[in-house]
Amino acid sequence: MYYIKLEDEMKIYSIILAGLFLGATAFGADDVKRTFWDVKTKQPLVALTFDDGPDDNCLQLMELFKKEDVKATFFLVGKKVKEKPDIAKKIAEAGHELANHSYTHDLLIKKTPEEIKKEIVDTQNAVKEATGLEPKLLRAPNVKQDDNVLAVLKELNMKSIMASVSAADWDRKNSKDQIIEAVTAKTKAGDIIVMHSWRKETLEGMPEIIKRLKEKGFKFVTVSELISNWGK
């Protein structure tokens, strides 16, 4: 599985943010906020997000989140929802947000508009079948999107969610302590934090991540709730 390096992610963040929030998008002013890397808010809110589930680690995360009064957003892969619909349902029943991470986790930027739409819609259908809910958010695999992806999202009335903080836990060389530091060192209000539920070190480091961010005064909300606080 290939992921862009964190330093490359941040370069992309800067380019995209400059375009989105200065209005230089392919769709004009009405679609300036269709892609979110973070949320501009003064409220002490952050969003924990987990890619590539559902998996068994999600169950342990939910136990911790219930104890710590944390809400999170899980970007689910459609074919995995088909394999583990019970876990997807439990995530929803626990009050967390379900979001779309494509059906196969293939790079969407290498697909035709028709193929992109199928990846997204098939995942929507899998999640709805398992939980009765239909996601409103997509994170493109490997944090890579293009005008074709955005056009499909516009057609489906969905938002694209990227991230402003990366745990870089996709890199198996990074230790639990490095993951904790990456998530907590410079996190600010409105940040969207991307992690991966399959990573054992992320699961093991989550209690400390929650502890440190709570000590900084942050509350954990879903991405949609965070977006609702734009400008507040």
Protein backbone atom coordinates (compact mmCIF):
# COMPACT_ATOMS: atom_id res chain seq x y z
CA MET A 1 0.00 0.00 0.00
CA TYR A 2 1.43 3.38 -0.99
CA TYR A 3 1.02 6.61 0.93
CA ILE A 4 2.49 10.03 0.33
CA LYS A 5 5.09 11.13 2.87
CA LEU A 6 4.00 13.55 5.59
CA GLU A 7 6.20 16.33 4.28
CA ASP A 8 4.65 15.91 0.85
CA GLU A 9 1.19 15.87 2.45
CA MET A 10 1.89 19.23 4.06
CA LYS A 11 3.05 20.73 0.76
CA ILE A 12 -0.20 19.58 -0.80
CA TYR A 13 -2.16 20.99 2.15
CA SER A 14 -0.63 24.41 1.56
CA ILE A 15 -1.40 24.37 -2.15
CA ILE A 16 -4.96 23.14 -1.73
CA LEU A 17 -5.73 25.45 1.16
CA ALA A 18 -4.48 28.44 -0.78
CA GLY A 19 -6.79 27.56 -3.63
CA LEU A 20 -9.81 26.59 -1.58
CA PHE A 21 -9.89 29.42 0.85
CA LEU A 22 -8.98 32.11 -1.63
CA GLY A 23 -11.80 30.88 -3.84
CA ALA A 24 -9.64 29.39 -6.59
CA THR A 25 -11.60 26.20 -7.13
CA ALA A 26 -12.96 24.48 -10.17
CA PHE A 27 -16.54 25.10 -9.05
CA GLY A 28 -16.60 28.73 -7.88
CA ALA A 29 -17.60 30.42 -4.62
CA ASP A 30 -20.48 28.07 -3.78
CA ASP A 31 -18.08 25.14 -3.56
CA VAL A 32 -15.17 26.78 -1.75
CA LYS A 33 -15.82 24.61 1.31
CA ARG A 34 -16.36 21.31 -0.47
CA THR A 35 -12.88 20.13 0.63
CA PHE A 36 -11.86 20.48 4.27
CA TRP A 37 -8.32 20.11 5.55
CA ASP A 38 -9.26 21.75 8.84
CA VAL A 39 -12.01 24.01 10.18
CA LYS A 40 -11.58 27.67 11.01
CA THR A 41 -12.96 27.93 14.54
CA LYS A 42 -12.04 29.42 17.89
CA GLN A 43 -13.85 26.64 19.71
CA PRO A 44 -11.50 24.12 21.42
CA LEU A 45 -12.59 21.29 19.15
CA VAL A 46 -10.64 18.67 17.20
CA ALA A 47 -11.72 15.67 15.13
CA LEU A 48 -10.07 12.26 15.44
CA THR A 49 -10.46 10.30 12.21
CA PHE A 50 -9.54 6.70 11.42
CA ASP A 51 -9.04 5.29 7.93
CA ASP A 52 -9.24 1.80 6.42
CA GLY A 53 -11.75 0.10 8.75
CA PRO A 54 -13.84 -1.50 9.87
CA ASP A 55 -11.49 -3.84 11.74
CA ASP A 56 -11.28 -5.47 15.14
CA ASN A 57 -9.24 -2.60 16.60
CA CYS A 58 -12.27 -0.35 16.11
CA LEU A 59 -14.02 -2.28 18.88
CA GLN A 60 -11.22 -1.54 21.34
CA LEU A 61 -11.13 2.10 20.28
CA MET A 62 -14.85 2.41 20.94
CA GLU A 63 -14.46 0.99 24.46
CA LEU A 64 -11.84 3.63 25.21
CA PHE A 65 -13.87 6.40 23.57
CA LYS A 66 -16.95 5.54 25.65
CA LYS A 67 -14.87 5.76 28.82
CA GLU A 68 -13.26 9.06 27.79
CA ASP A 69 -16.38 10.69 26.24
CA VAL A 70 -14.78 10.90 22.80
CA LYS A 71 -16.57 11.00 19.46
CA ALA A 72 -14.65 10.12 16.28
CA THR A 73 -15.16 9.69 12.55
CA PHE A 74 -14.37 6.40 10.83
CA PHE A 75 -13.62 6.44 7.09
CA LEU A 76 -14.65 2.97 6.00
CA VAL A 77 -13.57 0.89 3.01
CA GLY A 78 -16.64 -0.56 1.31
CA LYS A 79 -15.33 -4.08 0.74
CA LYS A 80 -14.33 -4.28 4.42
CA VAL A 81 -17.81 -3.16 5.46
CA LYS A 82 -19.11 -6.13 3.48
CA GLU A 83 -16.72 -8.37 5.40
CA LYS A 84 -17.42 -6.90 8.86
CA PRO A 85 -20.87 -5.27 8.78
CA ASP A 86 -21.37 -5.94 12.49
CA ILE A 87 -18.43 -3.71 13.40
CA ALA A 88 -19.68 -0.91 11.14
CA LYS A 89 -23.05 -1.16 12.87
CA LYS A 90 -21.48 -1.03 16.33
CA ILE A 91 -19.52 2.10 15.37
CA ALA A 92 -22.75 3.80 14.33
CA GLU A 93 -24.65 2.62 17.41
CA ALA A 94 -21.92 4.09 19.62
CA GLY A 95 -22.62 7.52 18.14
CA HIS A 96 -19.53 7.87 16.00
CA GLU A 97 -19.63 9.16 12.44
CA LEU A 98 -19.34 6.84 9.47
CA ALA A 99 -17.66 8.18 6.34
CA ASN A 100 -16.59 6.89 2.93
CA HIS A 101 -13.04 5.82 2.05
CA SER A 102 -13.84 4.22 -1.34
CA TYR A 103 -14.75 0.59 -1.98
CA THR A 104 -11.36 -0.92 -2.86
CA HIS A 105 -8.90 1.73 -1.57
CA ASP A 106 -7.51 2.11 -5.08
CA LEU A 107 -6.29 5.56 -6.05
CA LEU A 108 -9.30 7.48 -7.33
CA ILE A 109 -7.13 9.84 -9.37
CA LYS A 110 -6.25 6.91 -11.64
CA LYS A 111 -9.90 6.12 -12.40
CA THR A 112 -12.48 7.47 -14.83
CA PRO A 113 -15.40 9.56 -13.50
CA GLU A 114 -17.65 6.51 -13.89
CA GLU A 115 -15.24 4.32 -11.92
CA ILE A 116 -14.88 6.98 -9.22
CA LYS A 117 -18.63 7.19 -8.83
CA LYS A 118 -18.90 3.41 -8.55
CA GLU A 119 -16.22 3.31 -5.84
CA ILE A 120 -18.10 5.90 -3.81
CA VAL A 121 -21.65 4.70 -4.43
CA ASP A 122 -20.81 1.05 -3.77
CA THR A 123 -19.39 2.08 -0.40
CA GLN A 124 -22.45 4.22 0.34
CA ASN A 125 -24.64 1.21 -0.36
CA ALA A 126 -22.51 -1.14 1.78
CA VAL A 127 -22.60 1.24 4.74
CA LYS A 128 -26.34 1.83 4.37
CA GLU A 129 -27.02 -1.89 4.16
CA ALA A 130 -24.98 -2.53 7.32
CA THR A 131 -26.12 0.44 9.40
CA GLY A 132 -29.08 2.18 7.77
CA LEU A 133 -26.94 5.32 7.46
CA GLU A 134 -25.54 7.00 4.37
CA PRO A 135 -22.20 8.82 4.72
CA LYS A 136 -21.96 12.47 3.74
CA LEU A 137 -18.16 12.63 3.73
CA LEU A 138 -15.38 11.09 1.64
CA ARG A 139 -11.67 10.90 2.22
CA ALA A 140 -9.97 9.83 -0.99
CA PRO A 141 -7.43 7.02 -0.49
CA ASN A 142 -3.89 8.28 0.15
CA VAL A 143 -5.31 11.81 0.52
CA LYS A 144 -5.28 12.24 -3.26
CA GLN A 145 -8.09 13.77 -5.29
CA ASP A 146 -8.55 15.65 -8.55
CA ASP A 147 -11.26 17.56 -10.41
CA ASN A 148 -12.98 14.29 -11.40
CA VAL A 149 -13.31 13.26 -7.77
CA LEU A 150 -14.63 16.68 -6.80
CA ALA A 151 -17.13 16.64 -9.66
CA VAL A 152 -18.53 13.30 -8.50
CA LEU A 153 -18.74 14.56 -4.92
CA LYS A 154 -20.64 17.61 -6.11
CA GLU A 155 -23.08 15.37 -7.97
CA LEU A 156 -23.57 13.23 -4.85
CA ASN A 157 -23.75 16.26 -2.54
CA MET A 158 -20.83 15.02 -0.46
CA LYS A 159 -17.86 16.79 1.09
CA SER A 160 -14.19 15.85 0.76
CA ILE A 161 -12.29 15.52 4.03
CA MET A 162 -8.52 15.62 4.12
CA ALA A 163 -6.51 16.35 7.30
CA SER A 164 -4.34 19.02 8.89
CA VAL A 165 -2.56 16.67 11.30
CA SER A 166 -1.21 13.25 10.33
CA ALA A 167 -0.14 10.56 12.77
CA ALA A 168 2.00 9.14 9.94
CA ASP A 169 1.09 5.76 11.40
CA TRP A 170 0.90 4.24 7.92
CA ASP A 171 4.71 4.19 8.12
CA ARG A 172 5.49 1.07 10.11
CA LYS A 173 8.87 2.53 11.07
CA ASN A 174 7.16 5.08 13.31
CA SER A 175 6.92 3.99 16.94
CA LYS A 176 4.05 4.48 19.37
CA ASP A 177 5.85 7.45 20.92
CA GLN A 178 6.42 9.04 17.51
CA ILE A 179 2.74 8.63 16.66
CA ILE A 180 1.71 10.22 19.97
CA GLU A 181 4.06 13.16 19.39
CA ALA A 182 2.91 13.67 15.79
CA VAL A 183 -0.73 13.88 16.89
CA THR A 184 -0.31 16.05 19.99
CA ALA A 185 2.70 18.34 19.56
CA LYS A 186 1.20 21.14 17.48
CA THR A 187 -2.51 20.35 17.29
CA LYS A 188 -4.75 23.43 17.32
CA ALA A 189 -8.47 24.15 17.43
CA GLY A 190 -10.22 22.98 14.27
CA ASP A 191 -7.66 20.36 13.32
CA ILE A 192 -8.71 17.17 11.56
CA ILE A 193 -6.38 14.36 12.65
CA VAL A 194 -5.87 11.34 10.40
CA MET A 195 -4.91 7.95 11.84
CA HIS A 196 -5.37 4.30 10.94
CA SER A 197 -7.37 1.92 13.09
CA TRP A 198 -5.40 -1.15 11.93
CA ARG A 199 -2.14 0.12 13.43
CA LYS A 200 -1.42 -1.55 16.79
CA GLU A 201 0.82 1.28 17.95
CA THR A 202 -1.93 3.81 17.28
CA LEU A 203 -4.35 1.80 19.41
CA GLU A 204 -1.77 1.49 22.19
CA GLY A 205 -0.97 5.21 22.06
CA MET A 206 -4.56 6.42 22.02
CA PRO A 207 -4.99 6.78 25.82
CA GLU A 208 -1.95 9.07 25.96
CA ILE A 209 -3.11 11.01 22.88
CA ILE A 210 -6.49 11.66 24.50
CA LYS A 211 -4.85 12.58 27.82
CA ARG A 212 -2.46 15.11 26.27
CA LEU A 213 -5.09 16.77 24.08
CA LYS A 214 -7.56 16.97 26.97
CA GLU A 215 -4.84 18.64 29.05
CA LYS A 216 -4.65 21.27 26.31
CA GLY A 217 -8.37 21.85 26.71
CA PHE A 218 -9.61 20.13 23.54
CA LYS A 219 -12.93 18.34 23.11
CA PHE A 220 -13.27 15.52 20.59
CA VAL A 221 -16.10 15.77 18.05
CA THR A 222 -17.05 14.21 14.74
CA VAL A 223 -15.94 15.86 11.52
CA SER A 224 -19.49 16.97 10.72
CA GLU A 225 -19.86 18.59 14.14
CA LEU A 226 -16.50 20.28 13.68
CA ILE A 227 -17.60 21.66 10.31
CA SER A 228 -20.79 23.00 11.90
CA ASN A 229 -18.56 25.21 14.05
CA TRP A 230 -16.93 26.93 11.07
CA GLY A 231 -16.38 30.59 11.89
CA LYS A 232 -17.57 30.28 15.49
